[in-house]
Amino acid sequence: MPSQTIRQPYMISDDKALLDLDTIHGFLNRSYWAEGIQKPRVKRVLENSYCFGLYELEPDTTTVKRQVGFARVLSDLSAIAYLMDVFIDEEYRGKGLGKWIVEEVLAYPTFEPVRRWILATDDAHSLYARHGFTPLDHPEHYMHRYDPDKYRNDPPA
C-alpha cells in the first residue's frame, strides 16, 4: 500500500501512479544534471527507482491538484542509497518543501538498514548538510564512469 504524508495543502507520496511524467521530464530536461534527457529514459528511470512525489492538494482535501516536487533513490536497501533528482518547482520554493521531501525520504522505513547515503549537487549543499550529509572523507577512494553525451545520443522521443 502506498505511503503518504500530508501537510495541508501538500502531500508527499511514494505512489508511482500519481507521478506526472510530463512534469518530471520537463524539470529534468531543463536541469543542469539531466539537460536533454528524453522522456522514454525518464520513464525507465521512474520504473527502476524508489520515487517520491510532492503534490499540491485541492483546498481541504486529499485530491492532487498538481505535482510540485520530486525525489528518487537507488538502493540495495542495505549498504548504500543514492539520493537523486530532487527538485521543487520554481514557484513553490522558499516554503520548506525541499527540506520536507528530503526529511521524508531519509525517514522512509524501507531505507532504515542503509549504511551509507550518497548524492551529488552543485548548488544545494546547505539543504543536505541539515540532514547530516558531509563532503566525502576520502574522495580519492571514489571513481566514476561518466558519459556526458549519453542523453544527446538517445533517439528522439
N, C-alpha and C. Protein backbone atom coordinates (compact mmCIF):
# COMPACT_ATOMS: atom_id res chain seq x y z
N MET A 1 0.84 -1.19 0.00
CA MET A 1 0.00 0.00 0.00
C MET A 1 0.89 1.25 0.00
N PRO A 2 0.58 2.22 -0.84
CA PRO A 2 1.40 3.42 -0.91
C PRO A 2 1.42 4.19 0.41
N SER A 3 2.54 4.82 0.64
CA SER A 3 2.73 5.64 1.84
C SER A 3 2.56 7.10 1.46
N GLN A 4 1.99 7.87 2.38
CA GLN A 4 1.85 9.30 2.13
C GLN A 4 1.89 10.07 3.44
N THR A 5 2.36 11.31 3.35
CA THR A 5 2.38 12.23 4.47
C THR A 5 1.77 13.53 3.98
N ILE A 6 0.85 14.07 4.77
CA ILE A 6 0.16 15.29 4.36
C ILE A 6 0.47 16.41 5.34
N ARG A 7 0.80 17.55 4.79
CA ARG A 7 0.88 18.83 5.49
C ARG A 7 0.11 19.80 4.60
N GLN A 8 -1.17 19.95 4.88
CA GLN A 8 -2.01 20.76 4.01
C GLN A 8 -1.34 22.08 3.66
N PRO A 9 -1.35 22.49 2.42
CA PRO A 9 -2.02 21.89 1.27
C PRO A 9 -1.10 21.01 0.42
N TYR A 10 -0.18 20.27 1.04
CA TYR A 10 0.78 19.45 0.29
C TYR A 10 0.78 18.01 0.79
N MET A 11 1.23 17.13 -0.09
CA MET A 11 1.34 15.71 0.25
C MET A 11 2.60 15.16 -0.42
N ILE A 12 3.30 14.29 0.30
CA ILE A 12 4.40 13.51 -0.27
C ILE A 12 3.92 12.07 -0.30
N SER A 13 4.09 11.41 -1.46
CA SER A 13 3.64 10.03 -1.61
C SER A 13 4.66 9.24 -2.41
N ASP A 14 4.74 7.94 -2.09
CA ASP A 14 5.58 7.03 -2.86
C ASP A 14 4.77 6.28 -3.92
N ASP A 15 3.54 6.70 -4.14
CA ASP A 15 2.66 6.05 -5.11
C ASP A 15 3.07 6.46 -6.53
N LYS A 16 3.67 5.52 -7.26
CA LYS A 16 4.13 5.83 -8.63
C LYS A 16 2.98 6.17 -9.56
N ALA A 17 1.78 5.71 -9.26
CA ALA A 17 0.63 6.02 -10.11
C ALA A 17 0.31 7.51 -10.11
N LEU A 18 0.74 8.24 -9.08
CA LEU A 18 0.49 9.68 -9.01
C LEU A 18 1.54 10.51 -9.74
N LEU A 19 2.68 9.92 -10.05
CA LEU A 19 3.76 10.68 -10.68
C LEU A 19 3.31 11.25 -12.02
N ASP A 20 3.68 12.51 -12.26
CA ASP A 20 3.36 13.18 -13.52
C ASP A 20 4.61 13.17 -14.39
N LEU A 21 4.66 12.24 -15.33
CA LEU A 21 5.83 12.07 -16.19
C LEU A 21 6.18 13.36 -16.91
N ASP A 22 5.19 14.09 -17.40
CA ASP A 22 5.46 15.34 -18.11
C ASP A 22 6.14 16.37 -17.21
N THR A 23 5.66 16.50 -15.98
CA THR A 23 6.25 17.44 -15.03
C THR A 23 7.68 17.04 -14.70
N ILE A 24 7.90 15.77 -14.40
CA ILE A 24 9.24 15.31 -14.04
C ILE A 24 10.18 15.45 -15.22
N HIS A 25 9.76 15.01 -16.40
CA HIS A 25 10.60 15.15 -17.59
C HIS A 25 10.90 16.61 -17.87
N GLY A 26 9.89 17.46 -17.79
CA GLY A 26 10.10 18.89 -18.06
C GLY A 26 11.15 19.50 -17.16
N PHE A 27 11.09 19.18 -15.87
CA PHE A 27 12.08 19.74 -14.95
C PHE A 27 13.47 19.15 -15.21
N LEU A 28 13.55 17.84 -15.30
CA LEU A 28 14.86 17.21 -15.50
C LEU A 28 15.49 17.66 -16.82
N ASN A 29 14.71 17.80 -17.85
CA ASN A 29 15.21 18.21 -19.16
C ASN A 29 15.81 19.61 -19.12
N ARG A 30 15.37 20.44 -18.18
CA ARG A 30 15.91 21.80 -18.02
C ARG A 30 17.00 21.88 -16.98
N SER A 31 17.22 20.81 -16.21
CA SER A 31 18.17 20.84 -15.10
C SER A 31 19.61 20.79 -15.59
N TYR A 32 20.53 21.24 -14.74
CA TYR A 32 21.95 21.17 -15.10
C TYR A 32 22.46 19.74 -15.11
N TRP A 33 21.82 18.84 -14.37
CA TRP A 33 22.34 17.47 -14.26
C TRP A 33 21.73 16.49 -15.26
N ALA A 34 20.62 16.84 -15.90
CA ALA A 34 19.99 15.90 -16.83
C ALA A 34 19.48 16.61 -18.09
N GLU A 35 20.06 17.74 -18.39
CA GLU A 35 19.63 18.52 -19.55
C GLU A 35 19.61 17.65 -20.81
N GLY A 36 18.51 17.73 -21.54
CA GLY A 36 18.39 16.99 -22.78
C GLY A 36 17.88 15.56 -22.63
N ILE A 37 17.57 15.13 -21.41
CA ILE A 37 17.10 13.76 -21.22
C ILE A 37 15.77 13.57 -21.95
N GLN A 38 15.63 12.44 -22.60
CA GLN A 38 14.41 12.13 -23.35
C GLN A 38 13.37 11.48 -22.43
N LYS A 39 12.11 11.69 -22.75
CA LYS A 39 11.02 11.17 -21.92
C LYS A 39 11.06 9.65 -21.74
N PRO A 40 11.37 8.84 -22.78
CA PRO A 40 11.43 7.39 -22.55
C PRO A 40 12.48 7.00 -21.50
N ARG A 41 13.58 7.73 -21.45
CA ARG A 41 14.61 7.44 -20.44
C ARG A 41 14.08 7.80 -19.05
N VAL A 42 13.39 8.93 -18.93
CA VAL A 42 12.81 9.32 -17.64
C VAL A 42 11.80 8.26 -17.19
N LYS A 43 10.99 7.78 -18.08
CA LYS A 43 10.02 6.73 -17.75
C LYS A 43 10.73 5.50 -17.20
N ARG A 44 11.83 5.10 -17.84
CA ARG A 44 12.60 3.94 -17.39
C ARG A 44 13.22 4.21 -16.01
N VAL A 45 13.71 5.42 -15.81
CA VAL A 45 14.28 5.81 -14.52
C VAL A 45 13.24 5.66 -13.41
N LEU A 46 12.03 6.13 -13.67
CA LEU A 46 10.97 6.06 -12.66
C LEU A 46 10.60 4.61 -12.34
N GLU A 47 10.57 3.79 -13.37
CA GLU A 47 10.21 2.38 -13.18
C GLU A 47 11.24 1.64 -12.32
N ASN A 48 12.47 2.09 -12.32
CA ASN A 48 13.56 1.37 -11.67
C ASN A 48 14.13 2.08 -10.44
N SER A 49 13.35 2.96 -9.85
CA SER A 49 13.79 3.72 -8.68
C SER A 49 12.68 3.75 -7.64
N TYR A 50 13.06 4.06 -6.40
CA TYR A 50 12.10 4.42 -5.37
C TYR A 50 11.80 5.90 -5.62
N CYS A 51 10.54 6.24 -5.84
CA CYS A 51 10.17 7.60 -6.22
C CYS A 51 9.24 8.22 -5.18
N PHE A 52 9.42 9.53 -5.00
CA PHE A 52 8.62 10.29 -4.05
C PHE A 52 8.14 11.55 -4.75
N GLY A 53 6.84 11.68 -4.88
CA GLY A 53 6.26 12.87 -5.47
C GLY A 53 5.77 13.81 -4.38
N LEU A 54 5.92 15.09 -4.63
CA LEU A 54 5.40 16.13 -3.75
C LEU A 54 4.30 16.84 -4.52
N TYR A 55 3.12 16.88 -3.94
CA TYR A 55 1.94 17.36 -4.65
C TYR A 55 1.25 18.48 -3.89
N GLU A 56 0.74 19.44 -4.65
CA GLU A 56 -0.17 20.43 -4.09
C GLU A 56 -1.56 19.80 -4.14
N LEU A 57 -2.30 19.94 -3.04
CA LEU A 57 -3.64 19.37 -2.96
C LEU A 57 -4.70 20.44 -3.18
N GLU A 58 -5.86 19.99 -3.64
CA GLU A 58 -7.01 20.89 -3.70
C GLU A 58 -7.31 21.32 -2.26
N PRO A 59 -7.81 22.55 -2.06
CA PRO A 59 -8.05 23.05 -0.69
C PRO A 59 -8.87 22.09 0.17
N ASP A 60 -8.33 21.81 1.36
CA ASP A 60 -9.01 20.99 2.37
C ASP A 60 -9.42 19.60 1.90
N THR A 61 -8.64 19.03 0.98
CA THR A 61 -8.92 17.67 0.50
C THR A 61 -7.61 16.90 0.40
N THR A 62 -7.71 15.66 -0.03
CA THR A 62 -6.52 14.88 -0.36
C THR A 62 -6.46 14.64 -1.87
N THR A 63 -7.16 15.46 -2.62
CA THR A 63 -7.16 15.36 -4.09
C THR A 63 -5.99 16.14 -4.65
N VAL A 64 -5.18 15.46 -5.47
CA VAL A 64 -3.98 16.09 -6.04
C VAL A 64 -4.38 17.14 -7.07
N LYS A 65 -3.83 18.33 -6.88
CA LYS A 65 -4.02 19.43 -7.84
C LYS A 65 -2.92 19.38 -8.90
N ARG A 66 -1.66 19.27 -8.43
CA ARG A 66 -0.53 19.16 -9.36
C ARG A 66 0.73 18.72 -8.63
N GLN A 67 1.66 18.15 -9.37
CA GLN A 67 2.95 17.76 -8.80
C GLN A 67 3.86 18.98 -8.78
N VAL A 68 4.49 19.21 -7.62
CA VAL A 68 5.35 20.39 -7.46
C VAL A 68 6.77 20.02 -7.03
N GLY A 69 7.03 18.74 -6.80
CA GLY A 69 8.36 18.33 -6.39
C GLY A 69 8.56 16.84 -6.59
N PHE A 70 9.81 16.43 -6.43
CA PHE A 70 10.16 15.03 -6.72
C PHE A 70 11.50 14.71 -6.08
N ALA A 71 11.69 13.44 -5.74
CA ALA A 71 12.98 12.89 -5.34
C ALA A 71 12.95 11.40 -5.65
N ARG A 72 14.13 10.85 -5.92
CA ARG A 72 14.19 9.41 -6.14
C ARG A 72 15.45 8.85 -5.51
N VAL A 73 15.42 7.54 -5.28
CA VAL A 73 16.53 6.85 -4.62
C VAL A 73 16.81 5.55 -5.36
N LEU A 74 18.09 5.27 -5.56
CA LEU A 74 18.57 3.96 -6.00
C LEU A 74 19.23 3.32 -4.79
N SER A 75 18.91 2.07 -4.52
CA SER A 75 19.47 1.45 -3.32
C SER A 75 19.42 -0.07 -3.38
N ASP A 76 20.37 -0.69 -2.67
CA ASP A 76 20.31 -2.13 -2.44
C ASP A 76 19.63 -2.44 -1.11
N LEU A 77 19.19 -1.39 -0.42
CA LEU A 77 18.45 -1.47 0.84
C LEU A 77 19.26 -2.06 1.99
N SER A 78 20.56 -1.97 1.89
CA SER A 78 21.41 -2.45 2.96
C SER A 78 22.68 -1.62 3.07
N ALA A 79 23.49 -1.65 2.03
CA ALA A 79 24.79 -0.98 2.09
C ALA A 79 24.75 0.46 1.63
N ILE A 80 23.95 0.77 0.61
CA ILE A 80 24.04 2.10 0.01
C ILE A 80 22.72 2.57 -0.57
N ALA A 81 22.53 3.87 -0.52
CA ALA A 81 21.38 4.52 -1.17
C ALA A 81 21.89 5.81 -1.81
N TYR A 82 21.47 6.05 -3.02
CA TYR A 82 21.87 7.24 -3.77
C TYR A 82 20.64 8.11 -3.96
N LEU A 83 20.62 9.25 -3.29
CA LEU A 83 19.53 10.22 -3.39
C LEU A 83 19.78 11.09 -4.61
N MET A 84 18.76 11.21 -5.48
CA MET A 84 19.00 11.96 -6.71
C MET A 84 17.72 12.59 -7.25
N ASP A 85 17.93 13.48 -8.22
CA ASP A 85 16.84 14.15 -8.95
C ASP A 85 15.86 14.86 -8.03
N VAL A 86 16.36 15.41 -6.93
CA VAL A 86 15.50 16.16 -6.02
C VAL A 86 15.22 17.52 -6.63
N PHE A 87 13.93 17.86 -6.74
CA PHE A 87 13.60 19.20 -7.21
C PHE A 87 12.27 19.67 -6.64
N ILE A 88 12.16 20.98 -6.54
CA ILE A 88 10.93 21.67 -6.19
C ILE A 88 10.68 22.67 -7.31
N ASP A 89 9.47 22.69 -7.85
CA ASP A 89 9.10 23.64 -8.88
C ASP A 89 9.46 25.05 -8.42
N GLU A 90 9.98 25.84 -9.34
CA GLU A 90 10.48 27.18 -9.02
C GLU A 90 9.47 28.02 -8.25
N GLU A 91 8.20 27.98 -8.61
CA GLU A 91 7.22 28.85 -7.96
C GLU A 91 6.83 28.37 -6.55
N TYR A 92 7.31 27.19 -6.14
CA TYR A 92 6.98 26.65 -4.82
C TYR A 92 8.19 26.66 -3.88
N ARG A 93 9.28 27.21 -4.32
CA ARG A 93 10.48 27.25 -3.47
C ARG A 93 10.32 28.29 -2.37
N GLY A 94 11.12 28.12 -1.31
CA GLY A 94 11.07 29.06 -0.20
C GLY A 94 9.98 28.74 0.81
N LYS A 95 9.35 27.58 0.70
CA LYS A 95 8.28 27.18 1.61
C LYS A 95 8.69 26.00 2.48
N GLY A 96 9.96 25.61 2.43
CA GLY A 96 10.43 24.48 3.22
C GLY A 96 10.12 23.12 2.61
N LEU A 97 9.65 23.10 1.37
CA LEU A 97 9.27 21.83 0.74
C LEU A 97 10.47 20.96 0.40
N GLY A 98 11.59 21.56 0.02
CA GLY A 98 12.80 20.79 -0.25
C GLY A 98 13.29 20.09 1.01
N LYS A 99 13.30 20.81 2.12
CA LYS A 99 13.70 20.21 3.40
C LYS A 99 12.76 19.06 3.76
N TRP A 100 11.48 19.27 3.54
CA TRP A 100 10.49 18.27 3.91
C TRP A 100 10.63 17.00 3.08
N ILE A 101 10.80 17.12 1.77
CA ILE A 101 10.89 15.91 0.95
C ILE A 101 12.15 15.12 1.28
N VAL A 102 13.27 15.81 1.54
CA VAL A 102 14.50 15.10 1.91
C VAL A 102 14.30 14.41 3.26
N GLU A 103 13.68 15.09 4.19
CA GLU A 103 13.40 14.50 5.51
C GLU A 103 12.55 13.23 5.37
N GLU A 104 11.52 13.30 4.55
CA GLU A 104 10.63 12.14 4.36
C GLU A 104 11.36 10.97 3.69
N VAL A 105 12.16 11.27 2.69
CA VAL A 105 12.91 10.21 2.01
C VAL A 105 13.87 9.53 2.98
N LEU A 106 14.62 10.30 3.73
CA LEU A 106 15.59 9.72 4.66
C LEU A 106 14.93 8.93 5.79
N ALA A 107 13.70 9.27 6.13
CA ALA A 107 12.98 8.57 7.20
C ALA A 107 12.14 7.40 6.69
N TYR A 108 12.12 7.19 5.40
CA TYR A 108 11.32 6.12 4.79
C TYR A 108 11.74 4.78 5.39
N PRO A 109 10.83 4.04 5.98
CA PRO A 109 11.19 2.81 6.71
C PRO A 109 11.98 1.79 5.89
N THR A 110 11.73 1.69 4.61
CA THR A 110 12.44 0.73 3.76
C THR A 110 13.94 0.98 3.76
N PHE A 111 14.34 2.25 3.97
CA PHE A 111 15.76 2.60 3.92
C PHE A 111 16.44 2.53 5.29
N GLU A 112 15.73 2.15 6.32
CA GLU A 112 16.31 2.14 7.67
C GLU A 112 17.62 1.34 7.76
N PRO A 113 17.76 0.20 7.08
CA PRO A 113 19.01 -0.57 7.20
C PRO A 113 20.20 0.03 6.45
N VAL A 114 19.98 1.04 5.63
CA VAL A 114 21.05 1.55 4.76
C VAL A 114 22.18 2.17 5.58
N ARG A 115 23.39 1.77 5.26
CA ARG A 115 24.58 2.24 5.97
C ARG A 115 25.11 3.56 5.43
N ARG A 116 25.15 3.71 4.11
CA ARG A 116 25.76 4.90 3.51
C ARG A 116 24.80 5.52 2.49
N TRP A 117 24.58 6.80 2.65
CA TRP A 117 23.81 7.59 1.68
C TRP A 117 24.79 8.46 0.91
N ILE A 118 24.57 8.59 -0.39
CA ILE A 118 25.39 9.47 -1.21
C ILE A 118 24.48 10.33 -2.09
N LEU A 119 25.02 11.42 -2.56
CA LEU A 119 24.33 12.29 -3.50
C LEU A 119 25.37 13.18 -4.16
N ALA A 120 24.94 13.85 -5.21
CA ALA A 120 25.79 14.83 -5.89
C ALA A 120 24.97 16.10 -6.07
N THR A 121 25.57 17.24 -5.82
CA THR A 121 24.89 18.52 -6.00
C THR A 121 25.89 19.61 -6.34
N ASP A 122 25.46 20.54 -7.16
CA ASP A 122 26.26 21.73 -7.44
C ASP A 122 25.82 22.91 -6.60
N ASP A 123 24.58 22.89 -6.10
CA ASP A 123 24.04 24.12 -5.53
C ASP A 123 23.18 23.97 -4.28
N ALA A 124 23.09 22.80 -3.70
CA ALA A 124 22.19 22.62 -2.55
C ALA A 124 22.90 22.02 -1.34
N HIS A 125 24.16 22.35 -1.16
CA HIS A 125 24.93 21.78 -0.05
C HIS A 125 24.30 22.07 1.31
N SER A 126 23.80 23.28 1.51
CA SER A 126 23.23 23.61 2.82
C SER A 126 21.96 22.81 3.10
N LEU A 127 21.15 22.54 2.08
CA LEU A 127 19.96 21.72 2.26
C LEU A 127 20.34 20.34 2.78
N TYR A 128 21.31 19.72 2.15
CA TYR A 128 21.68 18.36 2.53
C TYR A 128 22.49 18.31 3.81
N ALA A 129 23.26 19.34 4.11
CA ALA A 129 24.03 19.39 5.36
C ALA A 129 23.08 19.34 6.56
N ARG A 130 21.91 19.95 6.46
CA ARG A 130 20.91 19.92 7.54
C ARG A 130 20.48 18.50 7.88
N HIS A 131 20.67 17.61 6.93
CA HIS A 131 20.24 16.22 7.11
C HIS A 131 21.42 15.27 7.32
N GLY A 132 22.57 15.83 7.68
CA GLY A 132 23.72 15.01 8.04
C GLY A 132 24.68 14.67 6.92
N PHE A 133 24.44 15.17 5.71
CA PHE A 133 25.37 14.91 4.61
C PHE A 133 26.61 15.79 4.77
N THR A 134 27.77 15.20 4.49
CA THR A 134 29.05 15.92 4.57
C THR A 134 29.86 15.60 3.31
N PRO A 135 30.87 16.40 3.02
CA PRO A 135 31.76 16.03 1.91
C PRO A 135 32.41 14.68 2.18
N LEU A 136 32.80 14.00 1.13
CA LEU A 136 33.43 12.68 1.28
C LEU A 136 34.70 12.79 2.11
N ASP A 137 34.87 11.84 3.03
CA ASP A 137 36.09 11.81 3.84
C ASP A 137 37.32 11.50 2.99
N HIS A 138 37.15 10.62 2.02
CA HIS A 138 38.26 10.20 1.18
C HIS A 138 37.83 10.21 -0.29
N PRO A 139 37.69 11.39 -0.87
CA PRO A 139 37.23 11.43 -2.26
C PRO A 139 38.17 10.68 -3.22
N GLU A 140 39.41 10.52 -2.80
CA GLU A 140 40.36 9.79 -3.66
C GLU A 140 40.02 8.31 -3.77
N HIS A 141 39.14 7.80 -2.90
CA HIS A 141 38.73 6.40 -2.97
C HIS A 141 37.62 6.18 -3.99
N TYR A 142 36.97 7.25 -4.38
CA TYR A 142 35.80 7.14 -5.25
C TYR A 142 36.17 7.40 -6.70
N MET A 143 35.55 6.65 -7.56
CA MET A 143 35.74 6.83 -9.00
C MET A 143 34.37 6.79 -9.65
N HIS A 144 34.31 7.26 -10.86
CA HIS A 144 33.07 7.15 -11.61
C HIS A 144 33.38 7.02 -13.08
N ARG A 145 32.42 6.56 -13.81
CA ARG A 145 32.49 6.48 -15.26
C ARG A 145 31.30 7.28 -15.78
N TYR A 146 31.56 8.29 -16.56
CA TYR A 146 30.53 9.25 -16.93
C TYR A 146 30.62 9.56 -18.41
N ASP A 147 29.48 9.50 -19.07
CA ASP A 147 29.38 9.84 -20.49
C ASP A 147 28.48 11.07 -20.61
N PRO A 148 29.04 12.28 -20.71
CA PRO A 148 28.22 13.49 -20.73
C PRO A 148 27.35 13.61 -21.98
N ASP A 149 27.64 12.84 -23.02
CA ASP A 149 26.86 12.92 -24.26
C ASP A 149 25.77 11.85 -24.36
N LYS A 150 25.63 11.02 -23.34
CA LYS A 150 24.70 9.89 -23.39
C LYS A 150 23.27 10.33 -23.72
N TYR A 151 22.77 11.36 -23.07
CA TYR A 151 21.40 11.81 -23.32
C TYR A 151 21.26 12.38 -24.73
N ARG A 152 22.28 13.04 -25.23
CA ARG A 152 22.22 13.61 -26.58
C ARG A 152 22.19 12.51 -27.64
N ASN A 153 22.67 11.33 -27.32
CA ASN A 153 22.72 10.23 -28.27
C ASN A 153 21.46 9.36 -28.27
N ASP A 154 20.54 9.64 -27.33
CA ASP A 154 19.28 8.89 -27.31
C ASP A 154 18.47 9.27 -28.55
N PRO A 155 17.72 8.33 -29.10
CA PRO A 155 16.84 8.68 -30.22
C PRO A 155 15.77 9.65 -29.74
N PRO A 156 15.30 10.53 -30.60
CA PRO A 156 14.24 11.48 -30.20
C PRO A 156 13.01 10.75 -29.69
N ALA A 157 12.36 11.36 -28.75
CA ALA A 157 11.14 10.75 -28.16
C ALA A 157 9.98 10.84 -29.14
